[in-house]
Amino acid sequence: MNTHRCPTVEEFKQILKKHSLKATPQRLAVHEVMTELGHASADMVTEAIAAKSTTKVTVASVYNILTNLSMLGIYDYRLSSNNKMYFDVNTFGHMHLYDKENHVFKDVIDEELMNMIHSYLGRKRFKGYKVEGIDIQIIGRPTRKRYTI
C-alpha cells in the first residue's frame, strides 16, 4: 500500500477485517468523509454525513468510531488549542501546520526534512526514554486579514 495516501474504501474494508471489525454503513460513511476532509472533528464528520444523508449517525457514535480507529492505528488524532479532538486519516510520517485562529490542520509533506529530523534524533539518546515516534506540529495564523463588508 502506498504510504502517502489514506486507504481506499476497499483497503479500509480489508483493514477492518484484519482487526475483526465489520464494515458497517456507519464506519464506511465515516471513512468516506474522513477521506474527503483529511483532518476533522467528530462534529465535522457527523455534519458531512448528514449533508450527504447517506447514513444516520450521532456525534457520539462518530466520535466512538474515530476513537476506535485511532486506537488501532488506522487513523491518528491531534488535540487543538481549543481542546477539541481532530482525527487524521493520514498515518504516514508527516508534519502538520496548525492554524491557531481557525483550528484547522494541514499536512506538511517534506520527506527531505523528515529524513533529516529522523536521522538527527535517531542518534540522540534521552536518558530513561525510548523514542517511539516523532510528531511535529508547526503553529501559525493566517497572514492575510479577512475584511468584512
Protein backbone atom coordinates (compact mmCIF):
# COMPACT_ATOMS: atom_id res chain seq x y z
CA MET A 1 0.00 0.00 0.00
CA ASN A 2 1.26 3.49 -0.85
CA THR A 3 2.31 5.27 2.34
CA HIS A 4 1.38 8.74 1.09
CA ARG A 5 -2.36 8.43 0.89
CA CYS A 6 -5.20 7.24 3.03
CA PRO A 7 -6.73 3.81 2.40
CA THR A 8 -9.35 3.42 -0.32
CA VAL A 9 -12.74 2.04 0.71
CA GLU A 10 -11.71 -1.46 -0.35
CA GLU A 11 -8.41 -1.21 1.54
CA PHE A 12 -10.30 0.18 4.54
CA LYS A 13 -12.65 -2.84 4.48
CA GLN A 14 -9.63 -5.18 4.49
CA ILE A 15 -8.06 -3.26 7.41
CA LEU A 16 -11.31 -3.54 9.38
CA LYS A 17 -11.46 -7.27 8.64
CA LYS A 18 -7.86 -7.67 9.82
CA HIS A 19 -8.94 -6.11 13.15
CA SER A 20 -12.07 -8.31 13.32
CA LEU A 21 -14.38 -5.33 12.76
CA LYS A 22 -17.36 -5.27 10.44
CA ALA A 23 -17.55 -2.77 7.60
CA THR A 24 -20.77 -1.24 8.90
CA PRO A 25 -22.52 1.54 6.96
CA GLN A 26 -21.55 3.93 9.77
CA ARG A 27 -17.84 3.05 9.63
CA LEU A 28 -17.82 3.27 5.84
CA ALA A 29 -19.60 6.65 5.92
CA VAL A 30 -17.08 7.96 8.47
CA HIS A 31 -14.15 6.78 6.34
CA GLU A 32 -15.62 8.26 3.16
CA VAL A 33 -15.99 11.66 4.82
CA MET A 34 -12.57 11.46 6.50
CA THR A 35 -11.04 10.73 3.09
CA GLU A 36 -12.58 13.97 1.81
CA LEU A 37 -11.77 16.11 4.87
CA GLY A 38 -8.37 14.70 5.86
CA HIS A 39 -8.46 16.23 9.36
CA ALA A 40 -11.78 16.58 11.14
CA SER A 41 -13.57 16.54 14.47
CA ALA A 42 -16.49 14.22 15.19
CA ASP A 43 -18.85 17.19 14.77
CA MET A 44 -17.47 17.94 11.31
CA VAL A 45 -17.72 14.31 10.21
CA THR A 46 -21.29 14.00 11.53
CA GLU A 47 -22.35 17.18 9.70
CA ALA A 48 -20.79 15.98 6.44
CA ILE A 49 -22.51 12.59 6.70
CA ALA A 50 -25.85 14.31 7.44
CA ALA A 51 -25.39 16.61 4.42
CA LYS A 52 -24.98 13.57 2.20
CA SER A 53 -27.93 11.92 4.01
CA THR A 54 -26.39 8.54 3.35
CA THR A 55 -26.35 7.07 6.84
CA LYS A 56 -27.88 8.02 10.17
CA VAL A 57 -25.23 8.65 12.82
CA THR A 58 -24.92 10.59 16.04
CA VAL A 59 -21.93 12.68 17.09
CA ALA A 60 -21.31 10.18 19.89
CA SER A 61 -21.22 7.19 17.53
CA VAL A 62 -18.94 9.05 15.10
CA TYR A 63 -16.62 10.02 17.97
CA ASN A 64 -16.53 6.38 19.15
CA ILE A 65 -15.77 5.15 15.63
CA LEU A 66 -12.99 7.72 15.14
CA THR A 67 -11.51 6.99 18.58
CA ASN A 68 -11.55 3.22 18.00
CA LEU A 69 -9.95 3.62 14.57
CA SER A 70 -7.23 5.84 16.02
CA MET A 71 -6.56 3.41 18.88
CA LEU A 72 -6.00 0.70 16.26
CA GLY A 73 -3.60 2.96 14.32
CA ILE A 74 -5.92 3.23 11.31
CA TYR A 75 -6.30 6.98 11.94
CA ASP A 76 -4.28 9.39 14.02
CA TYR A 77 -5.52 12.16 16.27
CA ARG A 78 -4.50 15.64 17.34
CA LEU A 79 -5.71 17.94 20.08
CA SER A 80 -6.29 21.56 19.05
CA SER A 81 -5.61 24.59 21.23
CA ASN A 82 -9.36 24.86 21.86
CA ASN A 83 -9.23 21.33 23.39
CA LYS A 84 -11.11 19.69 20.55
CA MET A 85 -10.00 16.32 19.20
CA TYR A 86 -9.25 16.24 15.47
CA PHE A 87 -8.66 12.98 13.67
CA ASP A 88 -6.23 12.48 10.79
CA VAL A 89 -6.81 9.92 8.06
CA ASN A 90 -3.11 10.01 7.10
CA THR A 91 -0.90 7.97 9.40
CA PHE A 92 2.31 8.14 7.36
CA GLY A 93 5.19 10.26 8.66
CA HIS A 94 4.44 13.91 8.03
CA MET A 95 4.23 17.24 9.83
CA HIS A 96 1.23 19.45 10.49
CA LEU A 97 0.60 23.15 10.17
CA TYR A 98 -1.97 24.16 12.76
CA ASP A 99 -3.97 27.34 12.10
CA LYS A 100 -4.43 28.63 15.65
CA GLU A 101 -7.18 31.10 14.69
CA ASN A 102 -9.39 28.79 12.66
CA HIS A 103 -8.45 25.50 14.37
CA VAL A 104 -7.54 23.81 11.10
CA PHE A 105 -4.79 21.26 10.49
CA LYS A 106 -2.97 20.95 7.17
CA ASP A 107 -0.46 18.31 6.18
CA VAL A 108 3.10 19.41 5.52
CA ILE A 109 4.83 16.75 3.48
CA ASP A 110 8.57 17.27 3.24
CA GLU A 111 10.37 13.93 3.07
CA GLU A 112 13.81 15.51 2.99
CA LEU A 113 13.19 17.42 6.24
CA MET A 114 11.57 14.41 7.93
CA ASN A 115 14.55 12.23 6.96
CA MET A 116 16.95 14.82 8.39
CA ILE A 117 14.99 15.01 11.64
CA HIS A 118 14.78 11.21 11.98
CA SER A 119 18.47 10.87 11.19
CA TYR A 120 19.44 13.52 13.74
CA LEU A 121 17.14 12.34 16.51
CA GLY A 122 17.98 8.71 15.77
CA ARG A 123 21.48 9.40 17.05
CA LYS A 124 20.25 11.16 20.20
CA ARG A 125 19.70 9.39 23.48
CA PHE A 126 17.15 10.60 26.01
CA LYS A 127 18.04 9.15 29.38
CA GLY A 128 15.27 6.94 30.68
CA TYR A 129 13.24 7.07 27.44
CA LYS A 130 12.88 5.06 24.28
CA VAL A 131 11.72 7.24 21.39
CA GLU A 132 8.65 5.69 19.76
CA GLY A 133 7.89 8.38 17.25
CA ILE A 134 8.29 11.97 16.19
CA ASP A 135 5.32 14.32 15.94
CA ILE A 136 6.00 17.79 14.56
CA GLN A 137 3.37 20.50 14.60
CA ILE A 138 4.00 23.99 13.24
CA ILE A 139 1.67 26.56 14.80
CA GLY A 140 0.68 29.65 12.88
CA ARG A 141 -2.09 32.01 11.97
CA PRO A 142 -3.22 33.34 8.59
CA THR A 143 -1.11 36.21 7.27
CA ARG A 144 -3.92 37.95 5.43
CA LYS A 145 -6.61 39.84 7.29
CA ARG A 146 -10.12 38.94 6.34
CA TYR A 147 -12.18 42.04 5.84
CA THR A 148 -15.92 42.03 6.26
CA ILE A 149 -18.06 44.50 4.39
